[in-house]
Amino acid sequence: MNWPRRTVLIAVLCSLPSSACGSPAAPRATPSPAVVYKFAGVHATQNVDQVEGLRATIAWTVPPKVVPGYSVSTWIAFSAPSGARDVSYRIAQVGWIVEKGSGHPRLFWEWGSRSPSDMQKQLGADVRQARPLHVEIDRDGSGRYTFYADDILLGTGRVSWVPTDAGVFTELQNPAEFLPGTKTEPELVTGFEQKIGGKWVPYVGEVLKTSDQFQVDVSTDGAIRIWDLRQPSSS
């Protein structure tokens, strides 16, 4: 099983309520065909090193289509990719994931620095469809990242890289998979904010997507709507 490629986490506090009790992901065989990452969302690349945190609320009612052995996920993240559309293992992220085609979404958080073998990943509690999930990542200048979901501390850790990109994305790993959401019932990201100088302010970014089948709409109030034109009810 391959995971969305990004995150930073060292300590998991399982004495906290259930959504904080992560379990390390067991190594899995590489699926065939190979993973092909496709994604849609909003990101920013200017002055990201000055951003001290990200937070957003994610909700969806139309589930993704997931191919067994692969996954679909939605997350907020800091990263340091080498190019605008490149896969980066230098990432810190938190969100929800549906893996192995089970249709069963769970909380996840993940981080890394150099390669797939360097990635640290955790699975948390179930995430209910149509129930908003609030996620947050805080960071400091030393490379320390702290992850939260629904205001519960998940864990904290350090990385050596400085972020150059920050955003929110929905991602799939196999071209036959569908992102969650339709035009009439898109996945909805609200309250997307960044912390600068100790204060939370509205996040400002630009749309980035890897397929014309993926649609991203940003309204004047900052709400982000994401959907897949291939979903049956989109027609």
C-alpha atoms as a PDB file:
ATOM      1  CA  MET A   1       0.000   0.000   0.000  1.00  0.00           C
ATOM      2  CA  ASN A   2       1.431   3.398  -0.946  1.00  0.00           C
ATOM      3  CA  TRP A   3       0.556   6.516   0.972  1.00  0.00           C
ATOM      4  CA  PRO A   4       0.233  10.193   0.106  1.00  0.00           C
ATOM      5  CA  ARG A   5       3.842  11.255   0.190  1.00  0.00           C
ATOM      6  CA  ARG A   6       4.359  13.721   3.038  1.00  0.00           C
ATOM      7  CA  THR A   7       4.498  14.322   6.871  1.00  0.00           C
ATOM      8  CA  VAL A   8       6.394  14.945  10.202  1.00  0.00           C
ATOM      9  CA  LEU A   9       5.535  13.043  13.404  1.00  0.00           C
ATOM     10  CA  ILE A  10       7.577  11.430  16.132  1.00  0.00           C
ATOM     11  CA  ALA A  11       5.422  11.055  19.248  1.00  0.00           C
ATOM     12  CA  VAL A  12       1.866   9.716  19.173  1.00  0.00           C
ATOM     13  CA  LEU A  13      -0.140  10.338  22.319  1.00  0.00           C
ATOM     14  CA  CYS A  14      -2.432   7.338  22.542  1.00  0.00           C
ATOM     15  CA  SER A  15      -3.570   8.253  26.016  1.00  0.00           C
ATOM     16  CA  LEU A  16      -5.773  10.843  24.318  1.00  0.00           C
ATOM     17  CA  PRO A  17      -9.303  10.166  22.950  1.00  0.00           C
ATOM     18  CA  SER A  18      -9.688   7.695  20.112  1.00  0.00           C
ATOM     19  CA  SER A  19      -9.040   9.990  17.145  1.00  0.00           C
ATOM     20  CA  ALA A  20      -5.550  10.631  18.519  1.00  0.00           C
ATOM     21  CA  CYS A  21      -4.678   6.957  18.960  1.00  0.00           C
ATOM     22  CA  GLY A  22      -2.776   6.285  15.781  1.00  0.00           C
ATOM     23  CA  SER A  23      -1.353   2.964  14.694  1.00  0.00           C
ATOM     24  CA  PRO A  24       1.802   2.763  12.574  1.00  0.00           C
ATOM     25  CA  ALA A  25       1.125   1.642   9.027  1.00  0.00           C
ATOM     26  CA  ALA A  26       2.632  -1.743   8.274  1.00  0.00           C
ATOM     27  CA  PRO A  27       4.914  -1.975   5.226  1.00  0.00           C
ATOM     28  CA  ARG A  28       3.039  -3.154   2.151  1.00  0.00           C
ATOM     29  CA  ALA A  29       4.050  -4.545  -1.210  1.00  0.00           C
ATOM     30  CA  THR A  30       4.236  -2.066  -4.072  1.00  0.00           C
ATOM     31  CA  PRO A  31       1.010  -2.329  -6.087  1.00  0.00           C
ATOM     32  CA  SER A  32       0.952  -3.065  -9.796  1.00  0.00           C
ATOM     33  CA  PRO A  33       0.607  -0.984 -11.868  1.00  0.00           C
ATOM     34  CA  ALA A  34       2.803   1.547 -10.116  1.00  0.00           C
ATOM     35  CA  VAL A  35       1.292   4.458  -8.223  1.00  0.00           C
ATOM     36  CA  VAL A  36       0.556   7.533 -10.349  1.00  0.00           C
ATOM     37  CA  TYR A  37      -0.225  10.512  -8.147  1.00  0.00           C
ATOM     38  CA  LYS A  38      -2.985  12.846  -9.336  1.00  0.00           C
ATOM     39  CA  PHE A  39      -4.412  15.671  -7.270  1.00  0.00           C
ATOM     40  CA  ALA A  40      -6.527  18.813  -7.148  1.00  0.00           C
ATOM     41  CA  GLY A  41      -6.606  21.661  -4.687  1.00  0.00           C
ATOM     42  CA  VAL A  42      -5.198  25.049  -3.750  1.00  0.00           C
ATOM     43  CA  HIS A  43      -1.639  25.923  -2.793  1.00  0.00           C
ATOM     44  CA  ALA A  44       0.761  28.849  -2.283  1.00  0.00           C
ATOM     45  CA  THR A  45       4.514  29.134  -2.731  1.00  0.00           C
ATOM     46  CA  GLN A  46       5.275  32.697  -1.623  1.00  0.00           C
ATOM     47  CA  ASN A  47       6.754  33.312   1.845  1.00  0.00           C
ATOM     48  CA  VAL A  48       5.694  29.866   3.042  1.00  0.00           C
ATOM     49  CA  ASP A  49       8.654  29.782   5.430  1.00  0.00           C
ATOM     50  CA  GLN A  50       6.916  32.553   7.396  1.00  0.00           C
ATOM     51  CA  VAL A  51       3.699  30.562   7.844  1.00  0.00           C
ATOM     52  CA  GLU A  52       3.453  29.103  11.354  1.00  0.00           C
ATOM     53  CA  GLY A  53       0.374  26.950  10.858  1.00  0.00           C
ATOM     54  CA  LEU A  54      -2.462  25.766   8.640  1.00  0.00           C
ATOM     55  CA  ARG A  55      -5.993  24.781   9.600  1.00  0.00           C
ATOM     56  CA  ALA A  56      -9.179  23.868   7.730  1.00  0.00           C
ATOM     57  CA  THR A  57     -12.439  21.975   7.975  1.00  0.00           C
ATOM     58  CA  ILE A  58     -13.072  19.217   5.393  1.00  0.00           C
ATOM     59  CA  ALA A  59     -16.424  17.583   4.612  1.00  0.00           C
ATOM     60  CA  TRP A  60     -17.807  15.402   1.820  1.00  0.00           C
ATOM     61  CA  THR A  61     -20.948  13.415   1.085  1.00  0.00           C
ATOM     62  CA  VAL A  62     -20.104  11.674  -2.220  1.00  0.00           C
ATOM     63  CA  PRO A  63     -17.366   9.110  -1.528  1.00  0.00           C
ATOM     64  CA  PRO A  64     -14.348   8.527  -3.757  1.00  0.00           C
ATOM     65  CA  LYS A  65     -13.923   5.503  -5.994  1.00  0.00           C
ATOM     66  CA  VAL A  66     -10.899   3.586  -4.729  1.00  0.00           C
ATOM     67  CA  VAL A  67      -9.053   0.792  -6.533  1.00  0.00           C
ATOM     68  CA  PRO A  68      -7.943  -2.087  -4.249  1.00  0.00           C
ATOM     69  CA  GLY A  69      -4.296  -1.692  -3.293  1.00  0.00           C
ATOM     70  CA  TYR A  70      -4.318   2.102  -3.724  1.00  0.00           C
ATOM     71  CA  SER A  71      -5.819   5.046  -1.843  1.00  0.00           C
ATOM     72  CA  VAL A  72      -7.638   8.362  -2.109  1.00  0.00           C
ATOM     73  CA  SER A  73      -7.072  11.094   0.476  1.00  0.00           C
ATOM     74  CA  THR A  74      -7.643  14.753   1.342  1.00  0.00           C
ATOM     75  CA  TRP A  75      -5.204  16.689   3.500  1.00  0.00           C
ATOM     76  CA  ILE A  76      -3.557  19.983   4.397  1.00  0.00           C
ATOM     77  CA  ALA A  77       0.215  20.088   4.168  1.00  0.00           C
ATOM     78  CA  PHE A  78       3.521  21.892   4.268  1.00  0.00           C
ATOM     79  CA  SER A  79       6.071  20.581   1.765  1.00  0.00           C
ATOM     80  CA  ALA A  80       9.280  21.327  -0.100  1.00  0.00           C
ATOM     81  CA  PRO A  81       8.845  19.875  -3.620  1.00  0.00           C
ATOM     82  CA  SER A  82      11.503  20.317  -6.283  1.00  0.00           C
ATOM     83  CA  GLY A  83       8.876  21.429  -8.826  1.00  0.00           C
ATOM     84  CA  ALA A  84       5.254  22.608  -8.999  1.00  0.00           C
ATOM     85  CA  ARG A  85       3.867  19.155  -9.837  1.00  0.00           C
ATOM     86  CA  ASP A  86       6.620  16.937  -8.462  1.00  0.00           C
ATOM     87  CA  VAL A  87       6.177  14.184  -5.902  1.00  0.00           C
ATOM     88  CA  SER A  88       7.818  15.305  -2.673  1.00  0.00           C
ATOM     89  CA  TYR A  89       8.772  13.144   0.278  1.00  0.00           C
ATOM     90  CA  ARG A  90       9.623  16.323   2.186  1.00  0.00           C
ATOM     91  CA  ILE A  91       6.149  16.877   3.527  1.00  0.00           C
ATOM     92  CA  ALA A  92       4.060  17.164   6.696  1.00  0.00           C
ATOM     93  CA  GLN A  93       0.340  16.450   6.285  1.00  0.00           C
ATOM     94  CA  VAL A  94      -2.854  15.512   8.082  1.00  0.00           C
ATOM     95  CA  GLY A  95      -6.303  14.598   6.774  1.00  0.00           C
ATOM     96  CA  TRP A  96      -8.452  11.572   5.876  1.00  0.00           C
ATOM     97  CA  ILE A  97      -7.676   8.556   3.716  1.00  0.00           C
ATOM     98  CA  VAL A  98      -9.561   5.645   2.162  1.00  0.00           C
ATOM     99  CA  GLU A  99      -7.186   2.787   1.440  1.00  0.00           C
ATOM    100  CA  LYS A 100      -7.292  -0.611  -0.259  1.00  0.00           C
ATOM    101  CA  GLY A 101     -10.660   0.071  -1.855  1.00  0.00           C
ATOM    102  CA  SER A 102     -12.462  -0.615   1.412  1.00  0.00           C
ATOM    103  CA  GLY A 103     -14.485   2.578   1.227  1.00  0.00           C
ATOM    104  CA  HIS A 104     -13.679   3.095   4.909  1.00  0.00           C
ATOM    105  CA  PRO A 105     -12.211   6.568   5.613  1.00  0.00           C
ATOM    106  CA  ARG A 106      -9.828   7.075   8.515  1.00  0.00           C
ATOM    107  CA  LEU A 107      -7.803   9.883   9.976  1.00  0.00           C
ATOM    108  CA  PHE A 108      -4.135   9.853   8.953  1.00  0.00           C
ATOM    109  CA  TRP A 109      -1.022  11.950   9.479  1.00  0.00           C
ATOM    110  CA  GLU A 110       2.356  11.518   7.834  1.00  0.00           C
ATOM    111  CA  TRP A 111       5.778  13.140   7.364  1.00  0.00           C
ATOM    112  CA  GLY A 112       9.118  12.535   5.710  1.00  0.00           C
ATOM    113  CA  SER A 113      12.371  13.998   4.463  1.00  0.00           C
ATOM    114  CA  ARG A 114      14.095  12.042   1.705  1.00  0.00           C
ATOM    115  CA  SER A 115      12.501   8.863   0.346  1.00  0.00           C
ATOM    116  CA  PRO A 116       9.565   6.442   0.764  1.00  0.00           C
ATOM    117  CA  SER A 117      11.557   4.465   3.339  1.00  0.00           C
ATOM    118  CA  ASP A 118      11.936   7.652   5.376  1.00  0.00           C
ATOM    119  CA  MET A 119       8.191   8.302   5.636  1.00  0.00           C
ATOM    120  CA  GLN A 120       6.509   8.148   9.036  1.00  0.00           C
ATOM    121  CA  LYS A 121       2.769   7.490   8.902  1.00  0.00           C
ATOM    122  CA  GLN A 122      -0.047   6.889  11.331  1.00  0.00           C
ATOM    123  CA  LEU A 123      -3.683   5.850  11.054  1.00  0.00           C
ATOM    124  CA  GLY A 124      -6.214   7.222  13.504  1.00  0.00           C
ATOM    125  CA  ALA A 125      -9.912   6.972  14.187  1.00  0.00           C
ATOM    126  CA  ASP A 126     -12.692   6.503  11.653  1.00  0.00           C
ATOM    127  CA  VAL A 127     -13.821   9.624   9.803  1.00  0.00           C
ATOM    128  CA  ARG A 128     -17.547   9.790   9.207  1.00  0.00           C
ATOM    129  CA  GLN A 129     -18.803  10.736   5.793  1.00  0.00           C
ATOM    130  CA  ALA A 130     -20.699  14.076   5.801  1.00  0.00           C
ATOM    131  CA  ARG A 131     -19.311  14.935   9.243  1.00  0.00           C
ATOM    132  CA  PRO A 132     -16.839  17.867   9.144  1.00  0.00           C
ATOM    133  CA  LEU A 133     -13.237  17.047  10.043  1.00  0.00           C
ATOM    134  CA  HIS A 134     -11.174  19.889  11.486  1.00  0.00           C
ATOM    135  CA  VAL A 135      -7.416  19.507  10.914  1.00  0.00           C
ATOM    136  CA  GLU A 136      -4.459  21.665  11.876  1.00  0.00           C
ATOM    137  CA  ILE A 137      -0.673  21.681  11.530  1.00  0.00           C
ATOM    138  CA  ASP A 138       1.521  24.050  13.562  1.00  0.00           C
ATOM    139  CA  ARG A 139       5.242  24.577  12.962  1.00  0.00           C
ATOM    140  CA  ASP A 140       8.130  26.593  14.335  1.00  0.00           C
ATOM    141  CA  GLY A 141      11.431  27.776  12.925  1.00  0.00           C
ATOM    142  CA  SER A 142      13.341  24.782  14.266  1.00  0.00           C
ATOM    143  CA  GLY A 143      11.439  22.326  12.038  1.00  0.00           C
ATOM    144  CA  ARG A 144       9.094  21.124  14.761  1.00  0.00           C
ATOM    145  CA  TYR A 145       5.592  20.222  13.514  1.00  0.00           C
ATOM    146  CA  THR A 146       2.507  19.493  15.597  1.00  0.00           C
ATOM    147  CA  PHE A 147      -0.609  17.752  14.242  1.00  0.00           C
ATOM    148  CA  TYR A 148      -4.218  18.072  15.405  1.00  0.00           C
ATOM    149  CA  ALA A 149      -7.609  16.697  14.394  1.00  0.00           C
ATOM    150  CA  ASP A 150     -10.858  17.988  15.890  1.00  0.00           C
ATOM    151  CA  ASP A 151      -8.749  19.940  18.413  1.00  0.00           C
ATOM    152  CA  ILE A 152      -7.068  16.769  19.712  1.00  0.00           C
ATOM    153  CA  LEU A 153      -3.276  16.547  19.685  1.00  0.00           C
ATOM    154  CA  LEU A 154      -2.065  13.724  17.435  1.00  0.00           C
ATOM    155  CA  GLY A 155       1.694  14.081  17.734  1.00  0.00           C
ATOM    156  CA  THR A 156       4.768  16.175  17.094  1.00  0.00           C
ATOM    157  CA  GLY A 157       8.172  15.822  15.444  1.00  0.00           C
ATOM    158  CA  ARG A 158      10.959  17.516  13.530  1.00  0.00           C
ATOM    159  CA  VAL A 159      12.265  17.681   9.986  1.00  0.00           C
ATOM    160  CA  SER A 160      15.355  19.340   8.510  1.00  0.00           C
ATOM    161  CA  TRP A 161      13.778  20.995   5.465  1.00  0.00           C
ATOM    162  CA  VAL A 162      12.153  24.426   5.201  1.00  0.00           C
ATOM    163  CA  PRO A 163       8.709  24.453   3.527  1.00  0.00           C
ATOM    164  CA  THR A 164       8.306  26.161   0.165  1.00  0.00           C
ATOM    165  CA  ASP A 165       4.723  25.075  -0.529  1.00  0.00           C
ATOM    166  CA  ALA A 166       1.554  24.902   1.569  1.00  0.00           C
ATOM    167  CA  GLY A 167      -1.990  23.978   0.643  1.00  0.00           C
ATOM    168  CA  VAL A 168      -4.945  21.618   0.679  1.00  0.00           C
ATOM    169  CA  PHE A 169      -5.377  18.789  -1.828  1.00  0.00           C
ATOM    170  CA  THR A 170      -7.414  15.743  -2.668  1.00  0.00           C
ATOM    171  CA  GLU A 171      -5.204  13.009  -4.137  1.00  0.00           C
ATOM    172  CA  LEU A 172      -5.551   9.647  -5.842  1.00  0.00           C
ATOM    173  CA  GLN A 173      -2.948   7.020  -6.758  1.00  0.00           C
ATOM    174  CA  ASN A 174      -4.501   5.186  -9.709  1.00  0.00           C
ATOM    175  CA  PRO A 175      -6.017   6.824 -12.839  1.00  0.00           C
ATOM    176  CA  ALA A 176      -9.089   4.600 -12.489  1.00  0.00           C
ATOM    177  CA  GLU A 177      -9.913   6.138  -9.116  1.00  0.00           C
ATOM    178  CA  PHE A 178     -12.328   9.060  -8.663  1.00  0.00           C
ATOM    179  CA  LEU A 179     -11.966  11.988  -6.316  1.00  0.00           C
ATOM    180  CA  PRO A 180     -14.852  12.458  -3.858  1.00  0.00           C
ATOM    181  CA  GLY A 181     -17.612  14.878  -4.776  1.00  0.00           C
ATOM    182  CA  THR A 182     -19.780  15.934  -7.696  1.00  0.00           C
ATOM    183  CA  LYS A 183     -20.650  19.381  -9.010  1.00  0.00           C
ATOM    184  CA  THR A 184     -23.843  19.462  -6.954  1.00  0.00           C
ATOM    185  CA  GLU A 185     -22.266  17.765  -3.914  1.00  0.00           C
ATOM    186  CA  PRO A 186     -18.568  18.682  -3.960  1.00  0.00           C
ATOM    187  CA  GLU A 187     -16.043  18.021  -1.267  1.00  0.00           C
ATOM    188  CA  LEU A 188     -16.010  21.223   0.774  1.00  0.00           C
ATOM    189  CA  VAL A 189     -13.051  22.864   2.495  1.00  0.00           C
ATOM    190  CA  THR A 190     -13.965  25.797   4.733  1.00  0.00           C
ATOM    191  CA  GLY A 191     -12.202  27.938   7.288  1.00  0.00           C
ATOM    192  CA  PHE A 192      -8.868  27.440   5.539  1.00  0.00           C
ATOM    193  CA  GLU A 193      -6.488  29.721   7.397  1.00  0.00           C
ATOM    194  CA  GLN A 194      -2.776  30.283   7.906  1.00  0.00           C
ATOM    195  CA  LYS A 195      -1.017  31.521  11.027  1.00  0.00           C
ATOM    196  CA  ILE A 196       1.363  34.435  10.520  1.00  0.00           C
ATOM    197  CA  GLY A 197       2.939  36.339  13.384  1.00  0.00           C
ATOM    198  CA  GLY A 198       0.876  34.345  15.855  1.00  0.00           C
ATOM    199  CA  LYS A 199      -2.453  35.334  14.253  1.00  0.00           C
ATOM    200  CA  TRP A 200      -4.794  33.271  12.099  1.00  0.00           C
ATOM    201  CA  VAL A 201      -5.679  34.956   8.789  1.00  0.00           C
ATOM    202  CA  PRO A 202      -7.491  33.724   5.653  1.00  0.00           C
ATOM    203  CA  TYR A 203      -5.374  31.533   3.408  1.00  0.00           C
ATOM    204  CA  VAL A 204      -4.704  32.907  -0.072  1.00  0.00           C
ATOM    205  CA  GLY A 205      -3.516  30.517  -2.802  1.00  0.00           C
ATOM    206  CA  GLU A 206      -4.044  29.398  -6.363  1.00  0.00           C
ATOM    207  CA  VAL A 207      -5.707  26.382  -7.905  1.00  0.00           C
ATOM    208  CA  LEU A 208      -3.489  23.455  -8.912  1.00  0.00           C
ATOM    209  CA  LYS A 209      -4.832  20.297 -10.549  1.00  0.00           C
ATOM    210  CA  THR A 210      -3.326  17.531 -12.665  1.00  0.00           C
ATOM    211  CA  SER A 211      -6.387  16.590 -14.736  1.00  0.00           C
ATOM    212  CA  ASP A 212      -9.186  18.398 -16.577  1.00  0.00           C
ATOM    213  CA  GLN A 213     -11.539  15.858 -14.985  1.00  0.00           C
ATOM    214  CA  PHE A 214     -10.841  17.445 -11.603  1.00  0.00           C
ATOM    215  CA  GLN A 215     -12.679  20.652 -10.769  1.00  0.00           C
ATOM    216  CA  VAL A 216     -11.752  23.225  -8.118  1.00  0.00           C
ATOM    217  CA  ASP A 217     -13.848  26.282  -7.318  1.00  0.00           C
ATOM    218  CA  VAL A 218     -12.858  28.952  -4.788  1.00  0.00           C
ATOM    219  CA  SER A 219     -15.683  31.264  -3.733  1.00  0.00           C
ATOM    220  CA  THR A 220     -15.341  34.854  -2.550  1.00  0.00           C
ATOM    221  CA  ASP A 221     -15.720  33.739   1.083  1.00  0.00           C
ATOM    222  CA  GLY A 222     -12.715  31.424   0.716  1.00  0.00           C
ATOM    223  CA  ALA A 223     -14.654  28.142   0.600  1.00  0.00           C
ATOM    224  CA  ILE A 224     -13.038  25.555  -1.686  1.00  0.00           C
ATOM    225  CA  ARG A 225     -15.152  23.054  -3.616  1.00  0.00           C
ATOM    226  CA  ILE A 226     -13.507  20.044  -5.261  1.00  0.00           C
ATOM    227  CA  TRP A 227     -15.159  17.398  -7.427  1.00  0.00           C
ATOM    228  CA  ASP A 228     -14.533  14.824 -10.151  1.00  0.00           C
ATOM    229  CA  LEU A 229     -16.447  15.069 -13.436  1.00  0.00           C
ATOM    230  CA  ARG A 230     -16.312  11.265 -13.785  1.00  0.00           C
ATOM    231  CA  GLN A 231     -18.492  10.718 -10.723  1.00  0.00           C
ATOM    232  CA  PRO A 232     -21.821   9.267 -12.006  1.00  0.00           C
ATOM    233  CA  SER A 233     -24.094  12.033 -10.691  1.00  0.00           C
ATOM    234  CA  SER A 234     -21.943  14.756 -12.249  1.00  0.00           C
ATOM    235  CA  SER A 235     -23.590  14.326 -15.630  1.00  0.00           C
END
